[in-house]
């Protein structure tokens, strides 16, 4: 097409040279292809974790790398608990950082002993509350998944810093709620394991069971579950 217009005198030599170069330059669609292939090969949606920290997860059990996990339970308020955990970490850090200046001011006679004891008491209380809240928040279940074959339970919970972490538990190792003293009507019920590993807490009162059949395959028949 360029040669046709050039032979008929419709294009100047400069315009013809520009038209020969432009088609060879990659357009916006070509610029996005390498990134698109990267996400397609990894099997992840690039918009999934936009604006948030990617969840840390422990290694998947062998044989489940290609399996899909079905969401069976969700606690929508887990995000608010994550923000609260991060706020508590920041508040405790600020409180502890204020202790060394207090010691310096006391040595210089700028602070009384009672004021120093008050600052130390606040810092100690903040640390104790952080340990207690972290112990609970790290075991509070946000989302539960079960793989297609029904052999692995994936628990999404919080880390010490308030970020998401996924832990994988064999379904055969999970103690059904029908074998425990916990009742579905209680505020929190425990997810225990026969091996005695980590124990998690979930609330059936404020959480939502999305797949009742799969949920009961893991935790047993719950006649009072709504």
Foldseek 3Di string as FASTA:
>chain_A
DLVVCVVVVNDDPVVSVVVVPVVVDDDPVVVCVVVVVVCVVVVDDPPPQPPHDDAAEDDDDPPCPPWDWDWFKAQVCLLVLLVVLLVLVVVLVVLVVVLVVLVVCVVVVNDDPVVSVVSVVVNVVSVVVLVVSQVQQQQEFGIWIATPVRFKIWTWGAHSNSGIYIYIDTLVQWEAPVPDPDALVDQWDWTAGNVRPDIHIYHLVRMDGPHVVSVCVRRNDHPPRD
